[in-house]
C-alpha atoms as a PDB file:
ATOM      1  CA  MET A   1       0.000   0.000   0.000  1.00  0.00           C
ATOM      2  CA  LYS A   2       1.350   3.411  -0.912  1.00  0.00           C
ATOM      3  CA  PRO A   3       1.967   5.817   2.014  1.00  0.00           C
ATOM      4  CA  HIS A   4      -0.716   8.189   0.808  1.00  0.00           C
ATOM      5  CA  ALA A   5      -3.246   5.378   0.390  1.00  0.00           C
ATOM      6  CA  TYR A   6      -3.907   5.341   4.127  1.00  0.00           C
ATOM      7  CA  PRO A   7      -7.146   7.198   4.753  1.00  0.00           C
ATOM      8  CA  ALA A   8      -7.280  10.159   7.064  1.00  0.00           C
ATOM      9  CA  ILE A   9      -9.393   9.901  10.195  1.00  0.00           C
ATOM     10  CA  PRO A  10     -12.894  10.957   9.086  1.00  0.00           C
ATOM     11  CA  ALA A  11     -13.976  14.237  10.710  1.00  0.00           C
ATOM     12  CA  PRO A  12     -17.089  12.773  12.428  1.00  0.00           C
ATOM     13  CA  LEU A  13     -14.969  10.007  13.992  1.00  0.00           C
ATOM     14  CA  ALA A  14     -12.294  12.512  15.026  1.00  0.00           C
ATOM     15  CA  LYS A  15     -14.972  14.629  16.688  1.00  0.00           C
ATOM     16  CA  VAL A  16     -16.107  11.631  18.766  1.00  0.00           C
ATOM     17  CA  LEU A  17     -12.539  10.534  19.593  1.00  0.00           C
ATOM     18  CA  GLY A  18     -11.605  14.066  20.603  1.00  0.00           C
ATOM     19  CA  ARG A  19     -14.342  14.047  23.252  1.00  0.00           C
ATOM     20  CA  LEU A  20     -13.065  10.920  24.979  1.00  0.00           C
ATOM     21  CA  PRO A  21     -11.455  11.520  28.382  1.00  0.00           C
ATOM     22  CA  ARG A  22      -7.669  11.490  28.115  1.00  0.00           C
ATOM     23  CA  TYR A  23      -6.717   9.485  31.165  1.00  0.00           C
ATOM     24  CA  PRO A  24      -8.395   6.137  30.307  1.00  0.00           C
ATOM     25  CA  GLY A  25      -6.872   6.317  26.838  1.00  0.00           C
ATOM     26  CA  SER A  26      -3.486   7.023  28.372  1.00  0.00           C
ATOM     27  CA  LEU A  27      -3.905   3.927  30.586  1.00  0.00           C
ATOM     28  CA  LEU A  28      -4.416   1.740  27.513  1.00  0.00           C
ATOM     29  CA  PHE A  29      -1.611   3.465  25.616  1.00  0.00           C
ATOM     30  CA  ALA A  30       0.826   3.047  28.539  1.00  0.00           C
ATOM     31  CA  ALA A  31      -0.063  -0.646  28.835  1.00  0.00           C
ATOM     32  CA  GLY A  32       0.534  -1.138  25.104  1.00  0.00           C
ATOM     33  CA  LEU A  33       3.852   0.721  25.184  1.00  0.00           C
ATOM     34  CA  SER A  34       4.973  -1.284  28.197  1.00  0.00           C
ATOM     35  CA  ARG A  35       4.108  -4.554  26.461  1.00  0.00           C
ATOM     36  CA  VAL A  36       5.630  -3.709  23.086  1.00  0.00           C
ATOM     37  CA  LEU A  37       8.528  -1.362  23.867  1.00  0.00           C
ATOM     38  CA  GLY A  38       9.285  -2.053  27.530  1.00  0.00           C
ATOM     39  CA  PRO A  39      11.197  -5.308  27.009  1.00  0.00           C
ATOM     40  CA  GLN A  40      13.224  -3.703  24.196  1.00  0.00           C
ATOM     41  CA  LEU A  41      14.543  -0.769  26.222  1.00  0.00           C
ATOM     42  CA  GLN A  42      18.144  -0.959  27.358  1.00  0.00           C
ATOM     43  CA  GLY A  43      19.096  -0.036  30.922  1.00  0.00           C
ATOM     44  CA  ASP A  44      20.611   3.316  29.962  1.00  0.00           C
ATOM     45  CA  VAL A  45      17.461   4.252  28.035  1.00  0.00           C
ATOM     46  CA  ARG A  46      15.267   3.239  30.975  1.00  0.00           C
ATOM     47  CA  ALA A  47      17.386   5.400  33.283  1.00  0.00           C
ATOM     48  CA  ALA A  48      17.175   8.394  30.922  1.00  0.00           C
ATOM     49  CA  LEU A  49      13.381   8.007  30.612  1.00  0.00           C
ATOM     50  CA  GLU A  50      12.782   7.593  34.351  1.00  0.00           C
ATOM     51  CA  GLY A  51      10.202  10.117  35.539  1.00  0.00           C
ATOM     52  CA  ARG A  52      10.154  12.036  32.248  1.00  0.00           C
ATOM     53  CA  SER A  53       6.684  12.950  30.959  1.00  0.00           C
ATOM     54  CA  ILE A  54       5.909  12.315  27.298  1.00  0.00           C
ATOM     55  CA  SER A  55       2.746  13.437  25.542  1.00  0.00           C
ATOM     56  CA  ILE A  56       1.740  11.804  22.251  1.00  0.00           C
ATOM     57  CA  GLY A  57      -0.880  13.687  20.254  1.00  0.00           C
ATOM     58  CA  VAL A  58      -2.720  12.218  17.276  1.00  0.00           C
ATOM     59  CA  LEU A  59      -3.744  15.445  15.596  1.00  0.00           C
ATOM     60  CA  ASP A  60      -6.420  14.277  13.181  1.00  0.00           C
ATOM     61  CA  ALA A  61      -8.067  12.033  15.783  1.00  0.00           C
ATOM     62  CA  GLY A  62      -8.087  14.625  18.554  1.00  0.00           C
ATOM     63  CA  LEU A  63      -6.336  12.153  20.870  1.00  0.00           C
ATOM     64  CA  ARG A  64      -3.599  12.749  23.403  1.00  0.00           C
ATOM     65  CA  PHE A  65      -1.796  10.186  25.528  1.00  0.00           C
ATOM     66  CA  ASP A  66       0.321  11.189  28.515  1.00  0.00           C
ATOM     67  CA  VAL A  67       2.824   8.720  29.937  1.00  0.00           C
ATOM     68  CA  VAL A  68       5.930   8.527  32.083  1.00  0.00           C
ATOM     69  CA  TRP A  69       8.463   5.699  32.546  1.00  0.00           C
ATOM     70  CA  ARG A  70       8.532   4.496  36.151  1.00  0.00           C
ATOM     71  CA  GLY A  71      10.735   1.596  37.187  1.00  0.00           C
ATOM     72  CA  SER A  72       9.966  -1.110  34.664  1.00  0.00           C
ATOM     73  CA  ARG A  73       7.003   0.202  32.703  1.00  0.00           C
ATOM     74  CA  PHE A  74       5.173   3.146  31.205  1.00  0.00           C
ATOM     75  CA  VAL A  75       2.508   4.638  33.447  1.00  0.00           C
ATOM     76  CA  ALA A  76      -0.389   6.897  32.469  1.00  0.00           C
ATOM     77  CA  VAL A  77      -0.316  10.330  34.051  1.00  0.00           C
ATOM     78  CA  PRO A  78      -2.746  13.236  34.030  1.00  0.00           C
ATOM     79  CA  PRO A  79      -1.966  15.698  31.221  1.00  0.00           C
ATOM     80  CA  ALA A  80       0.822  18.099  32.158  1.00  0.00           C
ATOM     81  CA  ALA A  81       0.714  21.716  31.064  1.00  0.00           C
ATOM     82  CA  GLN A  82       4.335  21.358  29.936  1.00  0.00           C
ATOM     83  CA  PRO A  83       5.374  17.719  29.427  1.00  0.00           C
ATOM     84  CA  ASP A  84       9.097  17.056  29.109  1.00  0.00           C
ATOM     85  CA  LEU A  85       8.462  16.014  25.512  1.00  0.00           C
ATOM     86  CA  SER A  86       5.444  16.464  23.263  1.00  0.00           C
ATOM     87  CA  ILE A  87       5.201  14.551  19.985  1.00  0.00           C
ATOM     88  CA  ARG A  88       2.311  15.220  17.586  1.00  0.00           C
ATOM     89  CA  ALA A  89       1.431  13.953  14.127  1.00  0.00           C
ATOM     90  CA  SER A  90      -1.512  12.551  12.191  1.00  0.00           C
ATOM     91  CA  ALA A  91      -2.557   8.924  12.653  1.00  0.00           C
ATOM     92  CA  ARG A  92      -1.351   8.259   9.104  1.00  0.00           C
ATOM     93  CA  ASP A  93       2.108   9.673   9.801  1.00  0.00           C
ATOM     94  CA  PHE A  94       2.467   7.710  13.063  1.00  0.00           C
ATOM     95  CA  LEU A  95       1.548   4.560  11.138  1.00  0.00           C
ATOM     96  CA  LEU A  96       4.093   5.354   8.424  1.00  0.00           C
ATOM     97  CA  LEU A  97       6.760   5.931  11.084  1.00  0.00           C
ATOM     98  CA  ALA A  98       5.985   2.631  12.817  1.00  0.00           C
ATOM     99  CA  GLN A  99       6.212   0.782   9.500  1.00  0.00           C
ATOM    100  CA  ARG A 100       9.446   2.575   8.573  1.00  0.00           C
ATOM    101  CA  ARG A 101       7.816   3.897   5.398  1.00  0.00           C
ATOM    102  CA  GLU A 102       8.586   7.467   6.380  1.00  0.00           C
ATOM    103  CA  ASP A 103      11.632   8.979   8.046  1.00  0.00           C
ATOM    104  CA  PRO A 104      11.046  11.030  11.221  1.00  0.00           C
ATOM    105  CA  ASP A 105      13.487  13.710  10.070  1.00  0.00           C
ATOM    106  CA  THR A 106      11.603  14.123   6.793  1.00  0.00           C
ATOM    107  CA  LEU A 107       8.290  14.434   8.642  1.00  0.00           C
ATOM    108  CA  PHE A 108       9.807  16.857  11.147  1.00  0.00           C
ATOM    109  CA  PHE A 109      11.276  19.169   8.523  1.00  0.00           C
ATOM    110  CA  SER A 110       8.076  19.076   6.479  1.00  0.00           C
ATOM    111  CA  ARG A 111       6.194  20.046   9.689  1.00  0.00           C
ATOM    112  CA  ARG A 112       4.122  16.851   9.698  1.00  0.00           C
ATOM    113  CA  LEU A 113       5.781  15.680  12.926  1.00  0.00           C
ATOM    114  CA  ILE A 114       5.934  18.188  15.755  1.00  0.00           C
ATOM    115  CA  MET A 115       8.322  17.641  18.645  1.00  0.00           C
ATOM    116  CA  GLU A 116       8.499  20.188  21.437  1.00  0.00           C
ATOM    117  CA  GLY A 117      10.267  20.200  24.744  1.00  0.00           C
ATOM    118  CA  ASP A 118      13.510  18.553  25.792  1.00  0.00           C
ATOM    119  CA  THR A 119      15.554  18.114  22.599  1.00  0.00           C
ATOM    120  CA  GLU A 120      17.868  15.534  24.162  1.00  0.00           C
ATOM    121  CA  LEU A 121      14.881  13.452  25.274  1.00  0.00           C
ATOM    122  CA  GLY A 122      13.381  13.758  21.780  1.00  0.00           C
ATOM    123  CA  LEU A 123      16.589  12.448  20.205  1.00  0.00           C
ATOM    124  CA  LEU A 124      16.717   9.602  22.728  1.00  0.00           C
ATOM    125  CA  VAL A 125      13.145   8.578  21.844  1.00  0.00           C
ATOM    126  CA  LYS A 126      13.822   8.857  18.096  1.00  0.00           C
ATOM    127  CA  ASN A 127      17.075   6.885  18.232  1.00  0.00           C
ATOM    128  CA  THR A 128      15.543   4.230  20.483  1.00  0.00           C
ATOM    129  CA  ILE A 129      12.616   3.679  18.138  1.00  0.00           C
ATOM    130  CA  ASP A 130      14.957   3.657  15.114  1.00  0.00           C
ATOM    131  CA  ALA A 131      16.981   0.852  16.761  1.00  0.00           C
ATOM    132  CA  ILE A 132      13.941  -1.371  17.343  1.00  0.00           C
ATOM    133  CA  ASP A 133      13.080  -4.090  14.823  1.00  0.00           C
ATOM    134  CA  VAL A 134      10.145  -2.971  12.656  1.00  0.00           C
ATOM    135  CA  ALA A 135       8.492  -6.410  13.090  1.00  0.00           C
ATOM    136  CA  LEU A 136       7.899  -5.420  16.714  1.00  0.00           C
ATOM    137  CA  PHE A 137       5.202  -3.012  15.489  1.00  0.00           C
ATOM    138  CA  ASP A 138       3.269  -5.708  13.608  1.00  0.00           C
ATOM    139  CA  PRO A 139      -0.124  -5.776  15.364  1.00  0.00           C
ATOM    140  CA  GLU A 140      -0.612  -9.463  14.555  1.00  0.00           C
ATOM    141  CA  ARG A 141       2.351 -10.495  16.726  1.00  0.00           C
ATOM    142  CA  LEU A 142       0.498  -9.149  19.759  1.00  0.00           C
ATOM    143  CA  LEU A 143      -2.458 -11.480  19.203  1.00  0.00           C
ATOM    144  CA  PRO A 144      -2.622 -14.844  20.927  1.00  0.00           C
ATOM    145  CA  ALA A 145      -1.158 -17.515  18.626  1.00  0.00           C
ATOM    146  CA  ARG A 146      -4.547 -19.122  17.994  1.00  0.00           C
ATOM    147  CA  TRP A 147      -5.886 -15.863  16.490  1.00  0.00           C
ATOM    148  CA  ARG A 148      -3.025 -15.243  14.070  1.00  0.00           C
ATOM    149  CA  ARG A 149      -3.380 -15.766  10.339  1.00  0.00           C
ATOM    150  CA  GLY A 150      -2.493 -19.262   9.221  1.00  0.00           C
ATOM    151  CA  SER A 151      -2.882 -20.834  12.655  1.00  0.00           C
ATOM    152  CA  ALA A 152      -4.997 -23.938  13.063  1.00  0.00           C
ATOM    153  CA  MET A 153      -7.996 -23.573  15.365  1.00  0.00           C
END
């Protein structure tokens, strides 16, 4: 599928998503990050992330997730007025980044990816994600084996 073939979030759906309370969504997002990324993080990265607030905004969906790394996992936190790092993009661009079909620097310089706050933390997050195997972001690998394509029931 071509990068631009991904549909944008329809405005009526974005309006509904934008009205959802942030904290429950952040709980789910933190749990997903902990499951997918947590085991991949090296000790030095964990130490650098400790207690640092990160806000992820999905612009076209009106969603925002606020998390912090504590000990051995990501934890949802109430939205901070000034998180240590704020990352915002469209759902499409986040998907393209996860699939390695788009480069974060290209998106940043074309103003499709917005990063604000602690520059060093932003580079740490970018470099950490760049070092992770792209197969890790395959949603099917998170399903129980019996639900995956090609598995016998």
